[in-house]
Amino acid sequence: MMIVENVLLSDDIADKYFSCDLRHCRGACCIHGERGAPLEPDELAVLNRNIDQIRLYLPSAGIQVIEREGIYLKHTGNRYSTPLINGKECVYSYYDADQIARCGIERAFNENKISFLKPISCHLYPIRIKKLAVCEIVNYHQCDFYLRAERLGREANIPVYKFLKAPLIRKFGAEWYDKLVQQTEERKKV
């Protein structure tokens, strides 16, 4: 484990490699999982404010689930997630012309309809964060559908923490990220 400020990170963040290949995985991170994308408490209000713009990019099946279940689900321990369509796709996903699952929230952002990129848990994937009372734990979530992404990352020499530079900075800040890079480089020298 590495420790950067009050964040514990799995060694996999530095030791594993990753480079997304949407043509191969077809947006699997939007359609596989036990539940929808985890949501931060402050993201609930953002979704509430922007749902009218976001729904313009969603398929009717997603809109129907949102109307029936709400724009997010509450779980035990005050945890929240996006609802799923038939226990599979995130309600905020849609399929593009190439049948790749994409994010309707991100599309609304890219088309300047909203100022929110997408949930931080989606932006950070394939890492997941677990919050404890005194710290956060960052783990690399291994999954069969991105073995190719791991291979491509290894071939291009892109460790997970470099692939996820922008979302890690979005979550923890640039100064924190610089400390992570420094610590990772020092580990490699040993």
C-alpha atoms as a PDB file:
ATOM      1  CA  MET A   1       0.000   0.000   0.000  1.00  0.00           C
ATOM      2  CA  MET A   2       1.038   3.577  -0.630  1.00  0.00           C
ATOM      3  CA  ILE A   3      -0.100   6.519   1.467  1.00  0.00           C
ATOM      4  CA  VAL A   4      -0.523   9.999   0.016  1.00  0.00           C
ATOM      5  CA  GLU A   5      -1.841  12.394   2.652  1.00  0.00           C
ATOM      6  CA  ASN A   6      -4.973  10.681   4.041  1.00  0.00           C
ATOM      7  CA  VAL A   7      -5.443   8.383   1.050  1.00  0.00           C
ATOM      8  CA  LEU A   8      -4.353   4.734   1.038  1.00  0.00           C
ATOM      9  CA  LEU A   9      -3.653   3.394  -2.444  1.00  0.00           C
ATOM     10  CA  SER A  10      -3.288  -0.173  -3.589  1.00  0.00           C
ATOM     11  CA  ASP A  11       0.110  -0.901  -5.124  1.00  0.00           C
ATOM     12  CA  ASP A  12      -1.814  -1.868  -8.275  1.00  0.00           C
ATOM     13  CA  ILE A  13      -2.391   1.849  -8.974  1.00  0.00           C
ATOM     14  CA  ALA A  14       1.333   2.155  -9.658  1.00  0.00           C
ATOM     15  CA  ASP A  15       2.168  -1.402 -10.731  1.00  0.00           C
ATOM     16  CA  LYS A  16      -0.660  -2.228 -13.155  1.00  0.00           C
ATOM     17  CA  TYR A  17      -1.036  -0.767 -16.626  1.00  0.00           C
ATOM     18  CA  PHE A  18      -4.147   0.420 -18.418  1.00  0.00           C
ATOM     19  CA  SER A  19      -5.205   2.034 -21.684  1.00  0.00           C
ATOM     20  CA  CYS A  20      -8.886   1.976 -22.568  1.00  0.00           C
ATOM     21  CA  ASP A  21      -9.931   0.528 -25.932  1.00  0.00           C
ATOM     22  CA  LEU A  22     -13.623   1.313 -26.447  1.00  0.00           C
ATOM     23  CA  ARG A  23     -13.723  -0.452 -29.809  1.00  0.00           C
ATOM     24  CA  HIS A  24     -12.871  -3.666 -27.987  1.00  0.00           C
ATOM     25  CA  CYS A  25     -14.707  -3.385 -24.656  1.00  0.00           C
ATOM     26  CA  ARG A  26     -17.698  -1.540 -26.208  1.00  0.00           C
ATOM     27  CA  GLY A  27     -18.172   0.567 -23.056  1.00  0.00           C
ATOM     28  CA  ALA A  28     -18.420  -2.437 -20.756  1.00  0.00           C
ATOM     29  CA  CYS A  29     -17.891  -0.302 -17.645  1.00  0.00           C
ATOM     30  CA  CYS A  30     -21.307   1.307 -18.332  1.00  0.00           C
ATOM     31  CA  ILE A  31     -23.088  -2.034 -18.707  1.00  0.00           C
ATOM     32  CA  HIS A  32     -21.483  -4.482 -16.248  1.00  0.00           C
ATOM     33  CA  GLY A  33     -21.500  -4.511 -12.486  1.00  0.00           C
ATOM     34  CA  GLU A  34     -23.492  -5.435  -9.432  1.00  0.00           C
ATOM     35  CA  ARG A  35     -25.126  -2.012  -9.172  1.00  0.00           C
ATOM     36  CA  GLY A  36     -24.953   1.352 -10.878  1.00  0.00           C
ATOM     37  CA  ALA A  37     -22.132   3.835 -10.604  1.00  0.00           C
ATOM     38  CA  PRO A  38     -21.453   5.047  -7.058  1.00  0.00           C
ATOM     39  CA  LEU A  39     -22.457   8.687  -6.561  1.00  0.00           C
ATOM     40  CA  GLU A  40     -21.005  11.282  -4.205  1.00  0.00           C
ATOM     41  CA  PRO A  41     -23.563  13.140  -2.057  1.00  0.00           C
ATOM     42  CA  ASP A  42     -22.864  16.451  -3.842  1.00  0.00           C
ATOM     43  CA  GLU A  43     -23.483  14.788  -7.221  1.00  0.00           C
ATOM     44  CA  LEU A  44     -27.122  14.105  -6.291  1.00  0.00           C
ATOM     45  CA  ALA A  45     -27.990  17.815  -6.426  1.00  0.00           C
ATOM     46  CA  VAL A  46     -26.072  18.183  -9.696  1.00  0.00           C
ATOM     47  CA  LEU A  47     -28.103  15.361 -11.266  1.00  0.00           C
ATOM     48  CA  ASN A  48     -31.325  16.892  -9.931  1.00  0.00           C
ATOM     49  CA  ARG A  49     -30.459  20.290 -11.454  1.00  0.00           C
ATOM     50  CA  ASN A  50     -29.422  18.873 -14.820  1.00  0.00           C
ATOM     51  CA  ILE A  51     -31.754  15.927 -15.391  1.00  0.00           C
ATOM     52  CA  ASP A  52     -33.856  17.742 -18.023  1.00  0.00           C
ATOM     53  CA  GLN A  53     -30.775  18.385 -20.176  1.00  0.00           C
ATOM     54  CA  ILE A  54     -29.304  14.912 -19.550  1.00  0.00           C
ATOM     55  CA  ARG A  55     -32.476  13.031 -20.470  1.00  0.00           C
ATOM     56  CA  LEU A  56     -32.241  14.468 -24.004  1.00  0.00           C
ATOM     57  CA  TYR A  57     -29.382  11.999 -24.559  1.00  0.00           C
ATOM     58  CA  LEU A  58     -30.920   8.928 -22.958  1.00  0.00           C
ATOM     59  CA  PRO A  59     -32.814   6.045 -24.532  1.00  0.00           C
ATOM     60  CA  SER A  60     -36.468   5.610 -23.653  1.00  0.00           C
ATOM     61  CA  ALA A  61     -35.646   2.556 -21.491  1.00  0.00           C
ATOM     62  CA  GLY A  62     -33.373   4.700 -19.308  1.00  0.00           C
ATOM     63  CA  ILE A  63     -35.959   7.459 -19.028  1.00  0.00           C
ATOM     64  CA  GLN A  64     -38.605   4.931 -18.003  1.00  0.00           C
ATOM     65  CA  VAL A  65     -36.378   3.569 -15.211  1.00  0.00           C
ATOM     66  CA  ILE A  66     -35.622   7.097 -13.998  1.00  0.00           C
ATOM     67  CA  GLU A  67     -39.341   7.903 -13.937  1.00  0.00           C
ATOM     68  CA  ARG A  68     -40.064   4.695 -12.027  1.00  0.00           C
ATOM     69  CA  GLU A  69     -37.066   4.515  -9.651  1.00  0.00           C
ATOM     70  CA  GLY A  70     -35.691   8.071  -9.569  1.00  0.00           C
ATOM     71  CA  ILE A  71     -32.501   9.647 -10.843  1.00  0.00           C
ATOM     72  CA  TYR A  72     -30.424   7.817  -8.219  1.00  0.00           C
ATOM     73  CA  LEU A  73     -30.840   4.997  -5.710  1.00  0.00           C
ATOM     74  CA  LYS A  74     -30.124   5.188  -1.989  1.00  0.00           C
ATOM     75  CA  HIS A  75     -28.457   2.201  -0.322  1.00  0.00           C
ATOM     76  CA  THR A  76     -27.604   1.396   3.276  1.00  0.00           C
ATOM     77  CA  GLY A  77     -25.027   3.583   4.940  1.00  0.00           C
ATOM     78  CA  ASN A  78     -26.069   6.681   2.962  1.00  0.00           C
ATOM     79  CA  ARG A  79     -24.485   5.346  -0.217  1.00  0.00           C
ATOM     80  CA  TYR A  80     -25.974   6.229  -3.588  1.00  0.00           C
ATOM     81  CA  SER A  81     -25.731   4.867  -7.114  1.00  0.00           C
ATOM     82  CA  THR A  82     -27.200   5.292 -10.547  1.00  0.00           C
ATOM     83  CA  PRO A  83     -30.152   3.004 -11.362  1.00  0.00           C
ATOM     84  CA  LEU A  84     -29.764   0.228 -13.929  1.00  0.00           C
ATOM     85  CA  ILE A  85     -31.836  -0.818 -16.917  1.00  0.00           C
ATOM     86  CA  ASN A  86     -32.836  -4.479 -16.409  1.00  0.00           C
ATOM     87  CA  GLY A  87     -29.967  -4.948 -13.943  1.00  0.00           C
ATOM     88  CA  LYS A  88     -27.381  -4.186 -16.645  1.00  0.00           C
ATOM     89  CA  GLU A  89     -26.813  -0.805 -18.297  1.00  0.00           C
ATOM     90  CA  CYS A  90     -26.588   2.392 -16.296  1.00  0.00           C
ATOM     91  CA  VAL A  91     -29.701   4.500 -16.940  1.00  0.00           C
ATOM     92  CA  TYR A  92     -27.421   7.316 -18.103  1.00  0.00           C
ATOM     93  CA  SER A  93     -25.855   5.218 -20.854  1.00  0.00           C
ATOM     94  CA  TYR A  94     -26.828   5.085 -24.500  1.00  0.00           C
ATOM     95  CA  TYR A  95     -25.418   3.275 -27.524  1.00  0.00           C
ATOM     96  CA  ASP A  96     -23.709   5.223 -30.289  1.00  0.00           C
ATOM     97  CA  ALA A  97     -23.833   4.358 -34.010  1.00  0.00           C
ATOM     98  CA  ASP A  98     -21.082   1.741 -33.484  1.00  0.00           C
ATOM     99  CA  GLN A  99     -23.079   0.121 -30.647  1.00  0.00           C
ATOM    100  CA  ILE A 100     -20.603   1.294 -28.015  1.00  0.00           C
ATOM    101  CA  ALA A 101     -22.111   2.232 -24.646  1.00  0.00           C
ATOM    102  CA  ARG A 102     -21.507   5.902 -23.917  1.00  0.00           C
ATOM    103  CA  CYS A 103     -22.460   8.263 -21.090  1.00  0.00           C
ATOM    104  CA  GLY A 104     -25.408  10.594 -21.655  1.00  0.00           C
ATOM    105  CA  ILE A 105     -24.193  12.865 -18.849  1.00  0.00           C
ATOM    106  CA  GLU A 106     -20.796  13.210 -20.520  1.00  0.00           C
ATOM    107  CA  ARG A 107     -22.448  13.841 -23.887  1.00  0.00           C
ATOM    108  CA  ALA A 108     -24.553  16.657 -22.395  1.00  0.00           C
ATOM    109  CA  PHE A 109     -21.320  18.103 -20.958  1.00  0.00           C
ATOM    110  CA  ASN A 110     -19.426  17.751 -24.264  1.00  0.00           C
ATOM    111  CA  GLU A 111     -22.268  19.511 -26.074  1.00  0.00           C
ATOM    112  CA  ASN A 112     -22.160  22.361 -23.521  1.00  0.00           C
ATOM    113  CA  LYS A 113     -25.621  21.638 -22.121  1.00  0.00           C
ATOM    114  CA  ILE A 114     -24.343  21.155 -18.549  1.00  0.00           C
ATOM    115  CA  SER A 115     -21.146  21.956 -16.629  1.00  0.00           C
ATOM    116  CA  PHE A 116     -20.833  18.535 -14.928  1.00  0.00           C
ATOM    117  CA  LEU A 117     -18.596  16.024 -16.745  1.00  0.00           C
ATOM    118  CA  LYS A 118     -19.919  12.796 -15.163  1.00  0.00           C
ATOM    119  CA  PRO A 119     -19.844  11.100 -11.760  1.00  0.00           C
ATOM    120  CA  ILE A 120     -16.323  10.984 -10.364  1.00  0.00           C
ATOM    121  CA  SER A 121     -16.614   7.209  -9.860  1.00  0.00           C
ATOM    122  CA  CYS A 122     -17.109   6.813 -13.619  1.00  0.00           C
ATOM    123  CA  HIS A 123     -14.263   9.178 -14.445  1.00  0.00           C
ATOM    124  CA  LEU A 124     -11.947   7.260 -12.086  1.00  0.00           C
ATOM    125  CA  TYR A 125     -12.837   3.794 -13.340  1.00  0.00           C
ATOM    126  CA  PRO A 126     -11.113   1.217 -13.200  1.00  0.00           C
ATOM    127  CA  ILE A 127     -10.289   2.376  -9.706  1.00  0.00           C
ATOM    128  CA  ARG A 128     -12.804   2.441  -6.890  1.00  0.00           C
ATOM    129  CA  ILE A 129     -12.694   4.460  -3.701  1.00  0.00           C
ATOM    130  CA  LYS A 130     -13.897   3.298  -0.320  1.00  0.00           C
ATOM    131  CA  LYS A 131     -14.418   6.002   2.277  1.00  0.00           C
ATOM    132  CA  LEU A 132     -13.629   5.312   5.906  1.00  0.00           C
ATOM    133  CA  ALA A 133     -13.980   7.696   8.839  1.00  0.00           C
ATOM    134  CA  VAL A 134     -10.316   8.771   8.759  1.00  0.00           C
ATOM    135  CA  CYS A 135      -9.184   8.037   5.223  1.00  0.00           C
ATOM    136  CA  GLU A 136     -10.096   6.921   1.736  1.00  0.00           C
ATOM    137  CA  ILE A 137      -8.888   3.666   0.184  1.00  0.00           C
ATOM    138  CA  VAL A 138      -8.180   3.583  -3.558  1.00  0.00           C
ATOM    139  CA  ASN A 139      -8.180   0.157  -5.222  1.00  0.00           C
ATOM    140  CA  TYR A 140      -7.747  -1.036  -8.766  1.00  0.00           C
ATOM    141  CA  HIS A 141     -10.858  -2.972  -9.753  1.00  0.00           C
ATOM    142  CA  GLN A 142      -9.774  -5.954 -11.833  1.00  0.00           C
ATOM    143  CA  CYS A 143     -12.272  -7.300 -14.305  1.00  0.00           C
ATOM    144  CA  ASP A 144     -12.120  -9.783 -17.181  1.00  0.00           C
ATOM    145  CA  PHE A 145     -13.483  -7.340 -19.736  1.00  0.00           C
ATOM    146  CA  TYR A 146     -10.424  -5.125 -19.626  1.00  0.00           C
ATOM    147  CA  LEU A 147      -7.602  -7.601 -20.002  1.00  0.00           C
ATOM    148  CA  ARG A 148      -6.943  -6.002 -23.395  1.00  0.00           C
ATOM    149  CA  ALA A 149      -6.772  -2.545 -21.773  1.00  0.00           C
ATOM    150  CA  GLU A 150      -4.168  -3.867 -19.344  1.00  0.00           C
ATOM    151  CA  ARG A 151      -2.140  -5.318 -22.208  1.00  0.00           C
ATOM    152  CA  LEU A 152      -2.374  -2.096 -24.238  1.00  0.00           C
ATOM    153  CA  GLY A 153      -1.349  -0.076 -21.187  1.00  0.00           C
ATOM    154  CA  ARG A 154       1.648  -2.338 -20.610  1.00  0.00           C
ATOM    155  CA  GLU A 155       2.692  -2.071 -24.283  1.00  0.00           C
ATOM    156  CA  ALA A 156       2.408   1.740 -24.162  1.00  0.00           C
ATOM    157  CA  ASN A 157       3.934   1.905 -20.639  1.00  0.00           C
ATOM    158  CA  ILE A 158       0.911   3.688 -19.141  1.00  0.00           C
ATOM    159  CA  PRO A 159       0.446   2.812 -15.467  1.00  0.00           C
ATOM    160  CA  VAL A 160      -3.055   3.145 -14.022  1.00  0.00           C
ATOM    161  CA  TYR A 161      -2.185   6.344 -12.137  1.00  0.00           C
ATOM    162  CA  LYS A 162      -0.979   8.017 -15.369  1.00  0.00           C
ATOM    163  CA  PHE A 163      -3.978   6.830 -17.390  1.00  0.00           C
ATOM    164  CA  LEU A 164      -6.230   8.333 -14.718  1.00  0.00           C
ATOM    165  CA  LYS A 165      -4.269  11.560 -14.185  1.00  0.00           C
ATOM    166  CA  ALA A 166      -7.176  13.922 -14.993  1.00  0.00           C
ATOM    167  CA  PRO A 167      -9.773  12.214 -12.774  1.00  0.00           C
ATOM    168  CA  LEU A 168      -7.277  11.755  -9.922  1.00  0.00           C
ATOM    169  CA  ILE A 169      -6.531  15.483 -10.064  1.00  0.00           C
ATOM    170  CA  ARG A 170     -10.268  16.206 -10.256  1.00  0.00           C
ATOM    171  CA  LYS A 171     -10.825  14.107  -7.119  1.00  0.00           C
ATOM    172  CA  PHE A 172      -7.768  14.885  -4.978  1.00  0.00           C
ATOM    173  CA  GLY A 173      -6.096  17.954  -6.538  1.00  0.00           C
ATOM    174  CA  ALA A 174      -2.930  18.629  -8.547  1.00  0.00           C
ATOM    175  CA  GLU A 175      -0.659  18.914  -5.499  1.00  0.00           C
ATOM    176  CA  TRP A 176      -1.861  15.528  -4.242  1.00  0.00           C
ATOM    177  CA  TYR A 177      -1.297  13.980  -7.680  1.00  0.00           C
ATOM    178  CA  ASP A 178       2.252  15.372  -7.809  1.00  0.00           C
ATOM    179  CA  LYS A 179       2.934  13.683  -4.454  1.00  0.00           C
ATOM    180  CA  LEU A 180       1.576  10.411  -5.836  1.00  0.00           C
ATOM    181  CA  VAL A 181       3.860  10.640  -8.888  1.00  0.00           C
ATOM    182  CA  GLN A 182       6.864  11.459  -6.708  1.00  0.00           C
ATOM    183  CA  GLN A 183       6.159   8.570  -4.356  1.00  0.00           C
ATOM    184  CA  THR A 184       5.611   6.168  -7.251  1.00  0.00           C
ATOM    185  CA  GLU A 185       8.884   7.174  -8.904  1.00  0.00           C
ATOM    186  CA  GLU A 186      10.750   6.755  -5.610  1.00  0.00           C
ATOM    187  CA  ARG A 187       9.256   3.248  -5.207  1.00  0.00           C
ATOM    188  CA  LYS A 188      10.580   2.271  -8.644  1.00  0.00           C
ATOM    189  CA  LYS A 189      14.117   3.252  -7.669  1.00  0.00           C
ATOM    190  CA  VAL A 190      14.160   0.814  -4.749  1.00  0.00           C
END
